[in-house]
Structures are given as structure tokens and as C-alpha cells.
Amino acid sequence: MADWGPVVIAVVLFVLLQPGLLFQIPGRGRVIEFGSMQTSGAAIVVHAIIYFGLITILLIAVGVHIYAG
């Protein structure tokens, strides 16, 4: 049986944490901007750190598993 948990979690977090799609930290004019559809180098770094932290918590600490087949 294949464990699809890490794949699903990684894809969902990647889509939701794209800088500028839902929110952007730090924003261009404010600390946080919602739906700006723009990005910066600092926002990419901050979102990468958030992504790494969440994926580490969900996959290692919580242990999300989805079995198919």
C-alpha cells in the first residue's frame, strides 16, 4: 500500500502558502497583505520557513498517513 499522506499534505500546503495568493508576510506596504498577487524576496523566505515548519509538524510530529490501494 502506498502512503499518500506526505504527498497530499505537501501539495496542499504548497498551494495555500504561495506568497501573494491568500496572504503575504511581509507585504509591500504593510506587515501582512491579503490577496495582493505580488511577491518579494523576503516574502518567499518567510513563506518557505512557515511551509517547512508546518510540514515538519504534520508529517513527523502528528504523523499524517493516507493509504490507497
Protein backbone atom coordinates (compact mmCIF):
# COMPACT_ATOMS: atom_id res chain seq x y z
CA MET A 1 0.00 0.00 0.00
CA ALA A 2 1.21 3.47 -0.87
CA ASP A 3 1.29 6.20 1.77
CA TRP A 4 -0.12 9.32 0.10
CA GLY A 5 -0.20 11.46 3.26
CA PRO A 6 3.10 13.29 2.71
CA VAL A 7 2.27 13.97 -0.94
CA VAL A 8 -1.20 15.37 -0.24
CA ILE A 9 -0.04 17.49 2.70
CA ALA A 10 2.93 18.89 0.74
CA VAL A 11 0.80 19.82 -2.29
CA VAL A 12 -1.97 21.44 -0.23
CA LEU A 13 0.49 23.46 1.86
CA PHE A 14 2.45 24.49 -1.25
CA VAL A 15 -0.69 25.82 -2.94
CA LEU A 16 -2.06 27.58 0.15
CA LEU A 17 1.26 29.13 1.22
CA GLN A 18 2.22 30.70 -2.10
CA PRO A 19 3.20 34.31 -1.31
CA GLY A 20 0.52 36.67 -2.57
CA LEU A 21 -2.20 34.09 -3.24
CA LEU A 22 -4.07 34.16 0.09
CA PHE A 23 -1.74 36.35 2.14
CA GLN A 24 1.78 37.73 2.07
CA ILE A 25 4.10 38.26 5.05
CA PRO A 26 5.79 40.81 4.90
CA GLY A 27 3.67 42.80 2.47
CA ARG A 28 4.94 45.56 0.25
CA GLY A 29 3.16 48.33 2.15
CA ARG A 30 2.04 46.64 5.37
CA VAL A 31 3.12 43.78 7.60
CA ILE A 32 0.54 41.43 6.08
CA GLU A 33 -1.41 41.78 2.84
CA PHE A 34 -4.28 39.61 1.66
CA GLY A 35 -4.76 38.63 -1.99
CA SER A 36 -2.18 41.04 -3.40
CA MET A 37 -0.95 38.62 -6.12
CA GLN A 38 2.52 40.17 -5.78
CA THR A 39 5.60 38.88 -4.00
CA SER A 40 9.06 39.82 -2.84
CA GLY A 41 12.23 38.01 -1.84
CA ALA A 42 11.56 38.50 1.86
CA ALA A 43 8.04 37.08 1.49
CA ILE A 44 9.40 34.00 -0.28
CA VAL A 45 11.82 33.34 2.59
CA VAL A 46 9.16 33.84 5.28
CA HIS A 47 6.66 31.59 3.49
CA ALA A 48 9.35 28.91 2.99
CA ILE A 49 10.06 28.92 6.73
CA ILE A 50 6.33 28.67 7.52
CA TYR A 51 5.97 25.82 4.97
CA PHE A 52 8.92 23.91 6.45
CA GLY A 53 7.59 24.32 9.98
CA LEU A 54 4.06 23.18 9.13
CA ILE A 55 5.14 20.22 7.01
CA THR A 56 7.55 19.11 9.74
CA ILE A 57 4.84 19.28 12.39
CA LEU A 58 2.22 17.50 10.28
CA LEU A 59 4.43 14.73 8.90
CA ILE A 60 6.80 13.99 11.77
CA ALA A 61 5.06 15.08 14.98
CA VAL A 62 1.43 14.29 14.06
CA GLY A 63 2.21 11.53 11.56
CA VAL A 64 -0.44 12.06 8.87
CA HIS A 65 -0.93 8.91 6.75
CA ILE A 66 -3.31 8.29 3.83
CA TYR A 67 -3.23 4.77 2.41
CA ALA A 68 -4.59 3.96 -1.03
CA GLY A 69 -4.94 0.59 -2.65
